[in-house]
Protein backbone atom coordinates (compact mmCIF):
# COMPACT_ATOMS: atom_id res chain seq x y z
CA HIS A 1 11.42 19.98 -10.89
CA ALA A 2 8.73 22.05 -9.22
CA GLY A 3 9.89 25.12 -11.14
CA ASP A 4 8.96 23.52 -14.45
CA GLY A 5 5.78 21.87 -13.20
CA ASN A 6 7.08 18.40 -12.34
CA LEU A 7 6.48 17.16 -8.83
CA HIS A 8 7.52 13.66 -7.77
CA VAL A 9 5.78 12.21 -4.72
CA ASN A 10 6.98 9.18 -2.79
CA PHE A 11 5.34 7.68 0.27
CA LEU A 12 7.67 6.43 2.98
CA LEU A 13 6.52 3.28 4.70
CA ASP A 14 7.50 -0.02 6.23
CA ARG A 15 6.78 -2.66 3.58
CA ALA A 16 6.59 -5.31 6.29
CA ASN A 17 3.56 -3.48 7.71
CA THR A 18 0.46 -4.55 5.78
CA ASP A 19 -1.58 -1.64 7.14
CA GLU A 20 0.97 0.84 5.82
CA LEU A 21 0.97 -0.84 2.40
CA VAL A 22 -2.82 -0.60 2.21
CA ARG A 23 -2.78 3.05 3.33
CA ALA A 24 -0.06 3.88 0.78
CA GLU A 25 -2.09 2.22 -1.97
CA ARG A 26 -5.17 4.23 -1.01
CA ALA A 27 -3.16 7.45 -0.79
CA THR A 28 -1.60 6.82 -4.20
CA GLN A 29 -5.02 6.29 -5.76
CA GLU A 30 -6.35 9.48 -4.15
CA LEU A 31 -3.29 11.46 -5.21
CA PHE A 32 -3.57 10.31 -8.82
CA ASP A 33 -7.30 11.12 -8.86
CA VAL A 34 -6.50 14.71 -7.81
CA VAL A 35 -3.62 15.01 -10.28
CA LEU A 36 -5.86 14.02 -13.18
CA LYS A 37 -8.72 16.27 -12.02
CA LEU A 38 -6.26 19.17 -12.12
CA ASP A 39 -5.30 18.24 -15.72
CA GLY A 40 -1.95 16.88 -14.58
CA THR A 41 -0.24 13.75 -15.75
CA LEU A 42 0.93 10.66 -13.92
CA SER A 43 3.98 10.22 -16.09
CA GLY A 44 5.97 13.42 -15.68
CA GLU A 45 8.83 14.09 -18.03
CA HIS A 46 10.22 10.56 -18.15
CA GLY A 47 7.30 8.30 -19.01
CA ILE A 48 4.97 6.22 -16.87
CA GLY A 49 7.58 3.88 -15.40
CA ILE A 50 7.03 0.53 -13.76
CA ALA A 51 5.70 1.87 -10.47
CA LYS A 52 2.85 3.81 -12.03
CA SER A 53 2.01 1.52 -14.93
CA PRO A 54 -0.98 -0.09 -13.14
CA PHE A 55 -2.55 3.37 -13.05
CA MET A 56 -1.96 4.14 -16.73
CA SER A 57 -5.55 3.42 -17.73
CA MET A 58 -6.70 6.20 -15.37
CA GLU A 59 -5.03 8.67 -17.70
CA VAL A 60 -5.34 7.13 -21.16
CA GLY A 61 -8.47 5.02 -20.65
CA ASP A 62 -9.01 1.39 -21.52
CA THR A 63 -9.09 2.13 -25.24
CA GLY A 64 -5.82 4.05 -25.08
CA LEU A 65 -4.23 1.19 -23.18
CA LYS A 66 -5.46 -1.32 -25.77
CA VAL A 67 -3.95 0.82 -28.55
CA MET A 68 -0.62 0.96 -26.72
CA LYS A 69 -0.62 -2.80 -26.23
CA SER A 70 -1.41 -3.39 -29.90
CA ILE A 71 1.46 -1.11 -30.95
CA LYS A 72 3.81 -2.98 -28.61
CA LYS A 73 2.64 -6.30 -30.05
CA ALA A 74 3.08 -5.06 -33.64
CA LEU A 75 6.60 -3.78 -32.97
CA ASP A 76 7.62 -6.62 -30.66
CA PRO A 77 5.60 -9.73 -31.55
CA ASN A 78 7.92 -12.01 -29.57
CA ASN A 79 7.84 -9.75 -26.49
CA ILE A 80 11.62 -9.60 -26.23
CA MET A 81 11.90 -5.86 -25.57
CA ASN A 82 11.45 -5.22 -21.85
CA PRO A 83 9.06 -8.13 -21.27
CA GLY A 84 6.77 -7.60 -18.30
CA LYS A 85 7.90 -4.02 -17.70
CA ILE A 86 4.82 -1.93 -18.40
CA PHE A 87 1.79 -4.02 -19.26
CA GLU A 88 2.36 -7.06 -17.03
CA PRO A 89 4.56 -5.94 -14.13
CA ASN A 90 5.38 -8.31 -11.29
CA TRP A 91 4.02 -6.46 -8.25
CA ALA A 92 5.08 -9.17 -5.81
CA PHE A 93 8.66 -8.15 -6.62
CA PHE A 94 8.00 -4.55 -5.64
CA ARG A 95 6.38 -5.44 -2.34
CA LYS A 96 9.53 -7.38 -1.39
CA SER A 97 12.10 -4.89 -2.67
CA LYS A 98 13.83 -2.60 -0.20
CA ASN A 99 15.38 -0.44 -2.90
CA LEU A 100 12.27 1.02 -4.49
CA THR A 101 10.02 3.88 -3.48
CA ALA A 102 6.82 3.17 -1.62
CA ASN A 103 4.58 3.94 -4.56
CA SER A 104 6.25 1.01 -6.31
CA ALA A 105 4.36 -1.26 -3.94
CA THR A 106 0.92 0.18 -4.49
CA ARG A 107 -0.65 -2.59 -6.55
CA THR A 108 -0.75 -6.37 -6.32
């Protein structure tokens, strides 16, 4: 995607190594800070996704996040559409998963 301005970054690490998890979390935060300073976006062409959802407020702010949550609640009052996917992800799952990219394990 680099030709059209989309760059996807994944950190490779051993999830069993706590030090590597902490370093990956720090690197992800630093990377996203730079991306936003350069007027980039965290979401790319396919939406924020589960792995980056904890960082969504960095881009849209707390007010933007509240608006998104209120829209979700209005459209899905019983929380049956993708429950827990974006606003309340289960990060313990990502830390244990071997099938996800490292940046999926960046928040607890």
